[in-house]
Amino acid sequence: MAMPRPTVAQLAYGSCTVILSTLAMLLLSGASSAVDVTFVAVSALALGLLVAMTVPRPAPRRPVAVGRPAGAERSVAPEPVRAAAPPAREPVRERAAS
């Protein structure tokens, strides 16, 4: 089974989270050593991954049935359309010979 590819929204949210959280943590922590900067970078990557995985995936598309109204069942046959019948003629009356 193939692994699903990330969507554009997941990539965008994850990338923005990594960049912004790295900047915020570096500015707020005042990290100056390599160990502190590495810890901030790894934390930002983990946070970005978490955000990217929690973005909801779009529902798979279903093929749309053509020619049937929405909600129509397969077992229900459509009623035939009947043409209007011409008005009935009166029978011809014969006159009795007198």
PDB file of N, CA and C in Angstrom:
ATOM      1  N   MET A   1       0.848  -1.184   0.000  1.00  0.00           N
ATOM      2  CA  MET A   1       0.000   0.000   0.000  1.00  0.00           C
ATOM      3  C   MET A   1       0.890   1.242   0.000  1.00  0.00           C
ATOM      4  N   ALA A   2       0.608   2.148  -0.902  1.00  0.00           N
ATOM      5  CA  ALA A   2       1.427   3.344  -1.042  1.00  0.00           C
ATOM      6  C   ALA A   2       1.113   4.351   0.062  1.00  0.00           C
ATOM      7  N   MET A   3       2.131   5.048   0.475  1.00  0.00           N
ATOM      8  CA  MET A   3       1.960   6.068   1.499  1.00  0.00           C
ATOM      9  C   MET A   3       1.384   7.321   0.850  1.00  0.00           C
ATOM     10  N   PRO A   4       0.354   7.934   1.457  1.00  0.00           N
ATOM     11  CA  PRO A   4      -0.241   9.123   0.830  1.00  0.00           C
ATOM     12  C   PRO A   4       0.725  10.305   0.868  1.00  0.00           C
ATOM     13  N   ARG A   5       0.696  11.084  -0.178  1.00  0.00           N
ATOM     14  CA  ARG A   5       1.567  12.253  -0.263  1.00  0.00           C
ATOM     15  C   ARG A   5       0.945  13.412   0.510  1.00  0.00           C
ATOM     16  N   PRO A   6       1.775  14.296   1.077  1.00  0.00           N
ATOM     17  CA  PRO A   6       1.215  15.439   1.804  1.00  0.00           C
ATOM     18  C   PRO A   6       0.556  16.424   0.833  1.00  0.00           C
ATOM     19  N   THR A   7      -0.498  17.060   1.314  1.00  0.00           N
ATOM     20  CA  THR A   7      -1.194  18.049   0.493  1.00  0.00           C
ATOM     21  C   THR A   7      -0.452  19.379   0.550  1.00  0.00           C
ATOM     22  N   VAL A   8      -0.863  20.304  -0.288  1.00  0.00           N
ATOM     23  CA  VAL A   8      -0.246  21.631  -0.318  1.00  0.00           C
ATOM     24  C   VAL A   8      -0.479  22.349   1.012  1.00  0.00           C
ATOM     25  N   ALA A   9      -1.662  22.175   1.570  1.00  0.00           N
ATOM     26  CA  ALA A   9      -1.970  22.824   2.849  1.00  0.00           C
ATOM     27  C   ALA A   9      -1.079  22.286   3.962  1.00  0.00           C
ATOM     28  N   GLN A  10      -0.843  20.980   3.971  1.00  0.00           N
ATOM     29  CA  GLN A  10       0.020  20.399   4.994  1.00  0.00           C
ATOM     30  C   GLN A  10       1.446  20.919   4.878  1.00  0.00           C
ATOM     31  N   LEU A  11       1.955  21.012   3.654  1.00  0.00           N
ATOM     32  CA  LEU A  11       3.305  21.539   3.458  1.00  0.00           C
ATOM     33  C   LEU A  11       3.404  23.006   3.870  1.00  0.00           C
ATOM     34  N   ALA A  12       2.399  23.795   3.527  1.00  0.00           N
ATOM     35  CA  ALA A  12       2.431  25.220   3.847  1.00  0.00           C
ATOM     36  C   ALA A  12       2.341  25.451   5.357  1.00  0.00           C
ATOM     37  N   TYR A  13       1.396  24.793   6.011  1.00  0.00           N
ATOM     38  CA  TYR A  13       1.243  24.983   7.459  1.00  0.00           C
ATOM     39  C   TYR A  13       2.471  24.482   8.214  1.00  0.00           C
ATOM     40  N   GLY A  14       3.001  23.335   7.817  1.00  0.00           N
ATOM     41  CA  GLY A  14       4.175  22.796   8.487  1.00  0.00           C
ATOM     42  C   GLY A  14       5.397  23.686   8.323  1.00  0.00           C
ATOM     43  N   SER A  15       5.616  24.167   7.114  1.00  0.00           N
ATOM     44  CA  SER A  15       6.780  25.028   6.849  1.00  0.00           C
ATOM     45  C   SER A  15       6.677  26.345   7.602  1.00  0.00           C
ATOM     46  N   CYS A  16       5.517  26.968   7.574  1.00  0.00           N
ATOM     47  CA  CYS A  16       5.333  28.234   8.295  1.00  0.00           C
ATOM     48  C   CYS A  16       5.503  28.040   9.796  1.00  0.00           C
ATOM     49  N   THR A  17       5.019  26.930  10.303  1.00  0.00           N
ATOM     50  CA  THR A  17       5.164  26.654  11.731  1.00  0.00           C
ATOM     51  C   THR A  17       6.629  26.497  12.108  1.00  0.00           C
ATOM     52  N   VAL A  18       7.392  25.783  11.298  1.00  0.00           N
ATOM     53  CA  VAL A  18       8.814  25.582  11.591  1.00  0.00           C
ATOM     54  C   VAL A  18       9.555  26.914  11.596  1.00  0.00           C
ATOM     55  N   ILE A  19       9.327  27.727  10.573  1.00  0.00           N
ATOM     56  CA  ILE A  19      10.055  28.999  10.458  1.00  0.00           C
ATOM     57  C   ILE A  19       9.680  29.947  11.581  1.00  0.00           C
ATOM     58  N   LEU A  20       8.386  30.131  11.795  1.00  0.00           N
ATOM     59  CA  LEU A  20       7.954  31.098  12.811  1.00  0.00           C
ATOM     60  C   LEU A  20       8.279  30.643  14.227  1.00  0.00           C
ATOM     61  N   SER A  21       8.115  29.355  14.504  1.00  0.00           N
ATOM     62  CA  SER A  21       8.419  28.893  15.859  1.00  0.00           C
ATOM     63  C   SER A  21       9.922  28.921  16.133  1.00  0.00           C
ATOM     64  N   THR A  22      10.749  28.667  15.115  1.00  0.00           N
ATOM     65  CA  THR A  22      12.203  28.764  15.303  1.00  0.00           C
ATOM     66  C   THR A  22      12.603  30.199  15.638  1.00  0.00           C
ATOM     67  N   LEU A  23      12.083  31.143  14.869  1.00  0.00           N
ATOM     68  CA  LEU A  23      12.403  32.551  15.153  1.00  0.00           C
ATOM     69  C   LEU A  23      11.925  32.973  16.534  1.00  0.00           C
ATOM     70  N   ALA A  24      10.704  32.603  16.873  1.00  0.00           N
ATOM     71  CA  ALA A  24      10.153  32.999  18.172  1.00  0.00           C
ATOM     72  C   ALA A  24      10.944  32.386  19.324  1.00  0.00           C
ATOM     73  N   MET A  25      11.266  31.089  19.227  1.00  0.00           N
ATOM     74  CA  MET A  25      11.999  30.438  20.319  1.00  0.00           C
ATOM     75  C   MET A  25      13.427  30.972  20.442  1.00  0.00           C
ATOM     76  N   LEU A  26      14.074  31.272  19.307  1.00  0.00           N
ATOM     77  CA  LEU A  26      15.430  31.826  19.382  1.00  0.00           C
ATOM     78  C   LEU A  26      15.425  33.219  19.999  1.00  0.00           C
ATOM     79  N   LEU A  27      14.416  34.032  19.643  1.00  0.00           N
ATOM     80  CA  LEU A  27      14.353  35.385  20.203  1.00  0.00           C
ATOM     81  C   LEU A  27      13.968  35.369  21.686  1.00  0.00           C
ATOM     82  N   LEU A  28      13.051  34.498  22.052  1.00  0.00           N
ATOM     83  CA  LEU A  28      12.586  34.478  23.441  1.00  0.00           C
ATOM     84  C   LEU A  28      13.561  33.779  24.386  1.00  0.00           C
ATOM     85  N   SER A  29      14.263  32.767  23.896  1.00  0.00           N
ATOM     86  CA  SER A  29      15.157  32.016  24.785  1.00  0.00           C
ATOM     87  C   SER A  29      16.526  32.664  24.916  1.00  0.00           C
ATOM     88  N   GLY A  30      16.912  33.427  23.926  1.00  0.00           N
ATOM     89  CA  GLY A  30      18.241  34.034  23.964  1.00  0.00           C
ATOM     90  C   GLY A  30      19.332  32.985  23.835  1.00  0.00           C
ATOM     91  N   ALA A  31      19.072  31.935  23.077  1.00  0.00           N
ATOM     92  CA  ALA A  31      20.031  30.844  22.918  1.00  0.00           C
ATOM     93  C   ALA A  31      21.279  31.352  22.203  1.00  0.00           C
ATOM     94  N   SER A  32      22.434  30.990  22.754  1.00  0.00           N
ATOM     95  CA  SER A  32      23.687  31.432  22.140  1.00  0.00           C
ATOM     96  C   SER A  32      24.638  30.274  21.855  1.00  0.00           C
ATOM     97  N   SER A  33      24.488  29.175  22.556  1.00  0.00           N
ATOM     98  CA  SER A  33      25.384  28.039  22.314  1.00  0.00           C
ATOM     99  C   SER A  33      24.809  27.137  21.226  1.00  0.00           C
ATOM    100  N   ALA A  34      25.663  26.306  20.659  1.00  0.00           N
ATOM    101  CA  ALA A  34      25.240  25.392  19.586  1.00  0.00           C
ATOM    102  C   ALA A  34      24.237  24.367  20.085  1.00  0.00           C
ATOM    103  N   VAL A  35      24.362  23.947  21.331  1.00  0.00           N
ATOM    104  CA  VAL A  35      23.431  22.967  21.901  1.00  0.00           C
ATOM    105  C   VAL A  35      22.036  23.581  22.034  1.00  0.00           C
ATOM    106  N   ASP A  36      21.969  24.822  22.489  1.00  0.00           N
ATOM    107  CA  ASP A  36      20.671  25.493  22.638  1.00  0.00           C
ATOM    108  C   ASP A  36      19.999  25.716  21.280  1.00  0.00           C
ATOM    109  N   VAL A  37      20.766  26.140  20.292  1.00  0.00           N
ATOM    110  CA  VAL A  37      20.221  26.378  18.948  1.00  0.00           C
ATOM    111  C   VAL A  37      19.759  25.065  18.334  1.00  0.00           C
ATOM    112  N   THR A  38      20.504  23.991  18.540  1.00  0.00           N
ATOM    113  CA  THR A  38      20.110  22.679  18.029  1.00  0.00           C
ATOM    114  C   THR A  38      18.819  22.215  18.673  1.00  0.00           C
ATOM    115  N   PHE A  39      18.694  22.417  19.978  1.00  0.00           N
ATOM    116  CA  PHE A  39      17.469  22.039  20.683  1.00  0.00           C
ATOM    117  C   PHE A  39      16.272  22.831  20.159  1.00  0.00           C
ATOM    118  N   VAL A  40      16.438  24.115  19.923  1.00  0.00           N
ATOM    119  CA  VAL A  40      15.357  24.951  19.394  1.00  0.00           C
ATOM    120  C   VAL A  40      14.973  24.481  17.994  1.00  0.00           C
ATOM    121  N   ALA A  41      15.968  24.175  17.157  1.00  0.00           N
ATOM    122  CA  ALA A  41      15.683  23.747  15.785  1.00  0.00           C
ATOM    123  C   ALA A  41      14.949  22.409  15.758  1.00  0.00           C
ATOM    124  N   VAL A  42      15.374  21.465  16.590  1.00  0.00           N
ATOM    125  CA  VAL A  42      14.700  20.158  16.641  1.00  0.00           C
ATOM    126  C   VAL A  42      13.281  20.304  17.185  1.00  0.00           C
ATOM    127  N   SER A  43      13.107  21.162  18.176  1.00  0.00           N
ATOM    128  CA  SER A  43      11.763  21.402  18.728  1.00  0.00           C
ATOM    129  C   SER A  43      10.845  22.024  17.682  1.00  0.00           C
ATOM    130  N   ALA A  44      11.371  22.968  16.898  1.00  0.00           N
ATOM    131  CA  ALA A  44      10.569  23.607  15.855  1.00  0.00           C
ATOM    132  C   ALA A  44      10.198  22.608  14.762  1.00  0.00           C
ATOM    133  N   LEU A  45      11.123  21.718  14.402  1.00  0.00           N
ATOM    134  CA  LEU A  45      10.808  20.694  13.397  1.00  0.00           C
ATOM    135  C   LEU A  45       9.725  19.740  13.900  1.00  0.00           C
ATOM    136  N   ALA A  46       9.821  19.345  15.159  1.00  0.00           N
ATOM    137  CA  ALA A  46       8.797  18.459  15.728  1.00  0.00           C
ATOM    138  C   ALA A  46       7.438  19.153  15.763  1.00  0.00           C
ATOM    139  N   LEU A  47       7.418  20.434  16.132  1.00  0.00           N
ATOM    140  CA  LEU A  47       6.164  21.176  16.153  1.00  0.00           C
ATOM    141  C   LEU A  47       5.586  21.329  14.750  1.00  0.00           C
ATOM    142  N   GLY A  48       6.444  21.595  13.758  1.00  0.00           N
ATOM    143  CA  GLY A  48       5.985  21.706  12.367  1.00  0.00           C
ATOM    144  C   GLY A  48       5.420  20.406  11.844  1.00  0.00           C
ATOM    145  N   LEU A  49       6.051  19.287  12.201  1.00  0.00           N
ATOM    146  CA  LEU A  49       5.542  17.977  11.803  1.00  0.00           C
ATOM    147  C   LEU A  49       4.192  17.697  12.447  1.00  0.00           C
ATOM    148  N   LEU A  50       4.060  18.040  13.707  1.00  0.00           N
ATOM    149  CA  LEU A  50       2.787  17.850  14.399  1.00  0.00           C
ATOM    150  C   LEU A  50       1.669  18.669  13.753  1.00  0.00           C
ATOM    151  N   VAL A  51       1.956  19.915  13.429  1.00  0.00           N
ATOM    152  CA  VAL A  51       0.948  20.771  12.787  1.00  0.00           C
ATOM    153  C   VAL A  51       0.589  20.237  11.407  1.00  0.00           C
ATOM    154  N   ALA A  52       1.574  19.787  10.637  1.00  0.00           N
ATOM    155  CA  ALA A  52       1.313  19.282   9.289  1.00  0.00           C
ATOM    156  C   ALA A  52       0.463  18.012   9.321  1.00  0.00           C
ATOM    157  N   MET A  53       0.653  17.183  10.318  1.00  0.00           N
ATOM    158  CA  MET A  53      -0.114  15.930  10.398  1.00  0.00           C
ATOM    159  C   MET A  53      -1.539  16.140  10.907  1.00  0.00           C
ATOM    160  N   THR A  54      -1.781  17.240  11.607  1.00  0.00           N
ATOM    161  CA  THR A  54      -3.132  17.479  12.133  1.00  0.00           C
ATOM    162  C   THR A  54      -4.023  18.262  11.168  1.00  0.00           C
ATOM    163  N   VAL A  55      -3.461  18.764  10.072  1.00  0.00           N
ATOM    164  CA  VAL A  55      -4.281  19.435   9.053  1.00  0.00           C
ATOM    165  C   VAL A  55      -5.175  18.371   8.425  1.00  0.00           C
ATOM    166  N   PRO A  56      -6.501  18.603   8.403  1.00  0.00           N
ATOM    167  CA  PRO A  56      -7.385  17.570   7.849  1.00  0.00           C
ATOM    168  C   PRO A  56      -7.140  17.345   6.367  1.00  0.00           C
ATOM    169  N   ARG A  57      -7.201  16.066   5.978  1.00  0.00           N
ATOM    170  CA  ARG A  57      -7.043  15.693   4.573  1.00  0.00           C
ATOM    171  C   ARG A  57      -8.390  15.809   3.875  1.00  0.00           C
ATOM    172  N   PRO A  58      -8.400  16.196   2.610  1.00  0.00           N
ATOM    173  CA  PRO A  58      -9.671  16.261   1.881  1.00  0.00           C
ATOM    174  C   PRO A  58     -10.248  14.865   1.684  1.00  0.00           C
ATOM    175  N   ALA A  59     -11.569  14.792   1.661  1.00  0.00           N
ATOM    176  CA  ALA A  59     -12.246  13.507   1.440  1.00  0.00           C
ATOM    177  C   ALA A  59     -12.002  13.038   0.011  1.00  0.00           C
ATOM    178  N   PRO A  60     -11.889  11.728  -0.192  1.00  0.00           N
ATOM    179  CA  PRO A  60     -11.689  11.239  -1.562  1.00  0.00           C
ATOM    180  C   PRO A  60     -12.913  11.534  -2.422  1.00  0.00           C
ATOM    181  N   ARG A  61     -12.650  11.837  -3.665  1.00  0.00           N
ATOM    182  CA  ARG A  61     -13.749  12.170  -4.578  1.00  0.00           C
ATOM    183  C   ARG A  61     -14.433  10.909  -5.051  1.00  0.00           C
ATOM    184  N   ARG A  62     -15.746  10.979  -5.121  1.00  0.00           N
ATOM    185  CA  ARG A  62     -16.540   9.866  -5.634  1.00  0.00           C
ATOM    186  C   ARG A  62     -17.033  10.226  -7.026  1.00  0.00           C
ATOM    187  N   PRO A  63     -17.117   9.241  -7.910  1.00  0.00           N
ATOM    188  CA  PRO A  63     -17.672   9.549  -9.230  1.00  0.00           C
ATOM    189  C   PRO A  63     -19.149   9.901  -9.109  1.00  0.00           C
ATOM    190  N   VAL A  64     -19.554  10.901  -9.857  1.00  0.00           N
ATOM    191  CA  VAL A  64     -20.940  11.370  -9.812  1.00  0.00           C
ATOM    192  C   VAL A  64     -21.736  10.627 -10.877  1.00  0.00           C
ATOM    193  N   ALA A  65     -22.882  10.096 -10.475  1.00  0.00           N
ATOM    194  CA  ALA A  65     -23.749   9.405 -11.427  1.00  0.00           C
ATOM    195  C   ALA A  65     -24.417  10.436 -12.331  1.00  0.00           C
ATOM    196  N   VAL A  66     -24.373  10.192 -13.623  1.00  0.00           N
ATOM    197  CA  VAL A  66     -24.950  11.107 -14.587  1.00  0.00           C
ATOM    198  C   VAL A  66     -26.306  10.561 -15.022  1.00  0.00           C
ATOM    199  N   GLY A  67     -27.291  11.424 -15.094  1.00  0.00           N
ATOM    200  CA  GLY A  67     -28.589  11.031 -15.614  1.00  0.00           C
ATOM    201  C   GLY A  67     -29.603  10.655 -14.542  1.00  0.00           C
ATOM    202  N   ARG A  68     -29.186  10.634 -13.295  1.00  0.00           N
ATOM    203  CA  ARG A  68     -30.130  10.330 -12.220  1.00  0.00           C
ATOM    204  C   ARG A  68     -30.186  11.512 -11.274  1.00  0.00           C
ATOM    205  N   PRO A  69     -31.371  11.822 -10.773  1.00  0.00           N
ATOM    206  CA  PRO A  69     -31.452  12.904  -9.793  1.00  0.00           C
ATOM    207  C   PRO A  69     -30.772  12.488  -8.490  1.00  0.00           C
ATOM    208  N   ALA A  70     -30.356  13.464  -7.713  1.00  0.00           N
ATOM    209  CA  ALA A  70     -29.665  13.185  -6.461  1.00  0.00           C
ATOM    210  C   ALA A  70     -30.579  12.410  -5.527  1.00  0.00           C
ATOM    211  N   GLY A  71     -30.063  11.372  -4.925  1.00  0.00           N
ATOM    212  CA  GLY A  71     -30.826  10.581  -3.975  1.00  0.00           C
ATOM    213  C   GLY A  71     -31.666   9.493  -4.608  1.00  0.00           C
ATOM    214  N   ALA A  72     -31.629   9.349  -5.910  1.00  0.00           N
ATOM    215  CA  ALA A  72     -32.441   8.329  -6.570  1.00  0.00           C
ATOM    216  C   ALA A  72     -31.820   6.956  -6.342  1.00  0.00           C
ATOM    217  N   GLU A  73     -32.644   5.989  -6.075  1.00  0.00           N
ATOM    218  CA  GLU A  73     -32.187   4.626  -5.859  1.00  0.00           C
ATOM    219  C   GLU A  73     -32.133   3.884  -7.186  1.00  0.00           C
ATOM    220  N   ARG A  74     -31.292   2.880  -7.273  1.00  0.00           N
ATOM    221  CA  ARG A  74     -31.185   2.120  -8.516  1.00  0.00           C
ATOM    222  C   ARG A  74     -32.407   1.254  -8.759  1.00  0.00           C
ATOM    223  N   SER A  75     -33.039   0.771  -7.692  1.00  0.00           N
ATOM    224  CA  SER A  75     -34.148  -0.153  -7.864  1.00  0.00           C
ATOM    225  C   SER A  75     -35.448   0.543  -8.287  1.00  0.00           C
ATOM    226  N   VAL A  76     -35.504   1.830  -8.156  1.00  0.00           N
ATOM    227  CA  VAL A  76     -36.710   2.566  -8.521  1.00  0.00           C
ATOM    228  C   VAL A  76     -36.613   2.970  -9.984  1.00  0.00           C
ATOM    229  N   ALA A  77     -37.527   2.451 -10.797  1.00  0.00           N
ATOM    230  CA  ALA A  77     -37.537   2.778 -12.221  1.00  0.00           C
ATOM    231  C   ALA A  77     -38.319   4.074 -12.425  1.00  0.00           C
ATOM    232  N   PRO A  78     -37.871   4.922 -13.318  1.00  0.00           N
ATOM    233  CA  PRO A  78     -38.613   6.159 -13.557  1.00  0.00           C
ATOM    234  C   PRO A  78     -39.938   5.864 -14.266  1.00  0.00           C
ATOM    235  N   GLU A  79     -40.928   6.675 -13.963  1.00  0.00           N
ATOM    236  CA  GLU A  79     -42.245   6.523 -14.587  1.00  0.00           C
ATOM    237  C   GLU A  79     -42.167   7.000 -16.030  1.00  0.00           C
ATOM    238  N   PRO A  80     -42.785   6.261 -16.969  1.00  0.00           N
ATOM    239  CA  PRO A  80     -42.764   6.717 -18.366  1.00  0.00           C
ATOM    240  C   PRO A  80     -43.631   7.970 -18.536  1.00  0.00           C
ATOM    241  N   VAL A  81     -43.197   8.800 -19.444  1.00  0.00           N
ATOM    242  CA  VAL A  81     -43.949  10.015 -19.736  1.00  0.00           C
ATOM    243  C   VAL A  81     -44.968   9.688 -20.811  1.00  0.00           C
ATOM    244  N   ARG A  82     -46.229  10.007 -20.534  1.00  0.00           N
ATOM    245  CA  ARG A  82     -47.289   9.713 -21.508  1.00  0.00           C
ATOM    246  C   ARG A  82     -47.703  10.995 -22.212  1.00  0.00           C
ATOM    247  N   ALA A  83     -47.926  10.856 -23.523  1.00  0.00           N
ATOM    248  CA  ALA A  83     -48.388  12.005 -24.300  1.00  0.00           C
ATOM    249  C   ALA A  83     -49.873  12.200 -24.051  1.00  0.00           C
ATOM    250  N   ALA A  84     -50.326  13.436 -24.184  1.00  0.00           N
ATOM    251  CA  ALA A  84     -51.749  13.719 -23.994  1.00  0.00           C
ATOM    252  C   ALA A  84     -52.542  13.095 -25.140  1.00  0.00           C
ATOM    253  N   ALA A  85     -53.586  12.359 -24.797  1.00  0.00           N
ATOM    254  CA  ALA A  85     -54.416  11.706 -25.820  1.00  0.00           C
ATOM    255  C   ALA A  85     -55.392  12.727 -26.398  1.00  0.00           C
ATOM    256  N   PRO A  86     -55.693  12.623 -27.710  1.00  0.00           N
ATOM    257  CA  PRO A  86     -56.673  13.544 -28.296  1.00  0.00           C
ATOM    258  C   PRO A  86     -58.056  13.264 -27.705  1.00  0.00           C
ATOM    259  N   PRO A  87     -58.929  14.254 -27.705  1.00  0.00           N
ATOM    260  CA  PRO A  87     -60.264  14.035 -27.138  1.00  0.00           C
ATOM    261  C   PRO A  87     -61.007  12.937 -27.915  1.00  0.00           C
ATOM    262  N   ALA A  88     -61.778  12.147 -27.189  1.00  0.00           N
ATOM    263  CA  ALA A  88     -62.513  11.035 -27.812  1.00  0.00           C
ATOM    264  C   ALA A  88     -63.649  11.585 -28.672  1.00  0.00           C
ATOM    265  N   ARG A  89     -63.872  10.953 -29.836  1.00  0.00           N
ATOM    266  CA  ARG A  89     -64.960  11.382 -30.719  1.00  0.00           C
ATOM    267  C   ARG A  89     -66.236  10.643 -30.355  1.00  0.00           C
ATOM    268  N   GLU A  90     -67.338  11.318 -30.594  1.00  0.00           N
ATOM    269  CA  GLU A  90     -68.626  10.656 -30.349  1.00  0.00           C
ATOM    270  C   GLU A  90     -68.908   9.683 -31.483  1.00  0.00           C
ATOM    271  N   PRO A  91     -69.526   8.552 -31.169  1.00  0.00           N
ATOM    272  CA  PRO A  91     -69.848   7.608 -32.247  1.00  0.00           C
ATOM    273  C   PRO A  91     -70.850   8.216 -33.233  1.00  0.00           C
ATOM    274  N   VAL A  92     -70.719   7.825 -34.472  1.00  0.00           N
ATOM    275  CA  VAL A  92     -71.618   8.328 -35.527  1.00  0.00           C
ATOM    276  C   VAL A  92     -72.949   7.615 -35.400  1.00  0.00           C
ATOM    277  N   ARG A  93     -74.055   8.392 -35.358  1.00  0.00           N
ATOM    278  CA  ARG A  93     -75.378   7.780 -35.259  1.00  0.00           C
ATOM    279  C   ARG A  93     -75.996   7.719 -36.660  1.00  0.00           C
ATOM    280  N   GLU A  94     -76.464   6.573 -36.946  1.00  0.00           N
ATOM    281  CA  GLU A  94     -77.138   6.426 -38.230  1.00  0.00           C
ATOM    282  C   GLU A  94     -78.615   6.727 -38.070  1.00  0.00           C
ATOM    283  N   ARG A  95     -79.191   7.324 -39.104  1.00  0.00           N
ATOM    284  CA  ARG A  95     -80.629   7.634 -39.073  1.00  0.00           C
ATOM    285  C   ARG A  95     -81.387   6.423 -39.614  1.00  0.00           C
ATOM    286  N   ALA A  96     -82.461   6.192 -38.995  1.00  0.00           N
ATOM    287  CA  ALA A  96     -83.301   5.082 -39.461  1.00  0.00           C
ATOM    288  C   ALA A  96     -84.027   5.518 -40.739  1.00  0.00           C
ATOM    289  N   ALA A  97     -84.100   4.622 -41.697  1.00  0.00           N
ATOM    290  CA  ALA A  97     -84.796   4.926 -42.942  1.00  0.00           C
ATOM    291  C   ALA A  97     -86.292   4.916 -42.705  1.00  0.00           C
ATOM    292  N   SER A  98     -86.988   5.865 -43.100  1.00  0.00           N
ATOM    293  CA  SER A  98     -88.423   5.865 -42.899  1.00  0.00           C
ATOM    294  C   SER A  98     -89.189   5.918 -44.181  1.00  0.00           C
TER     295      SER A  98
END
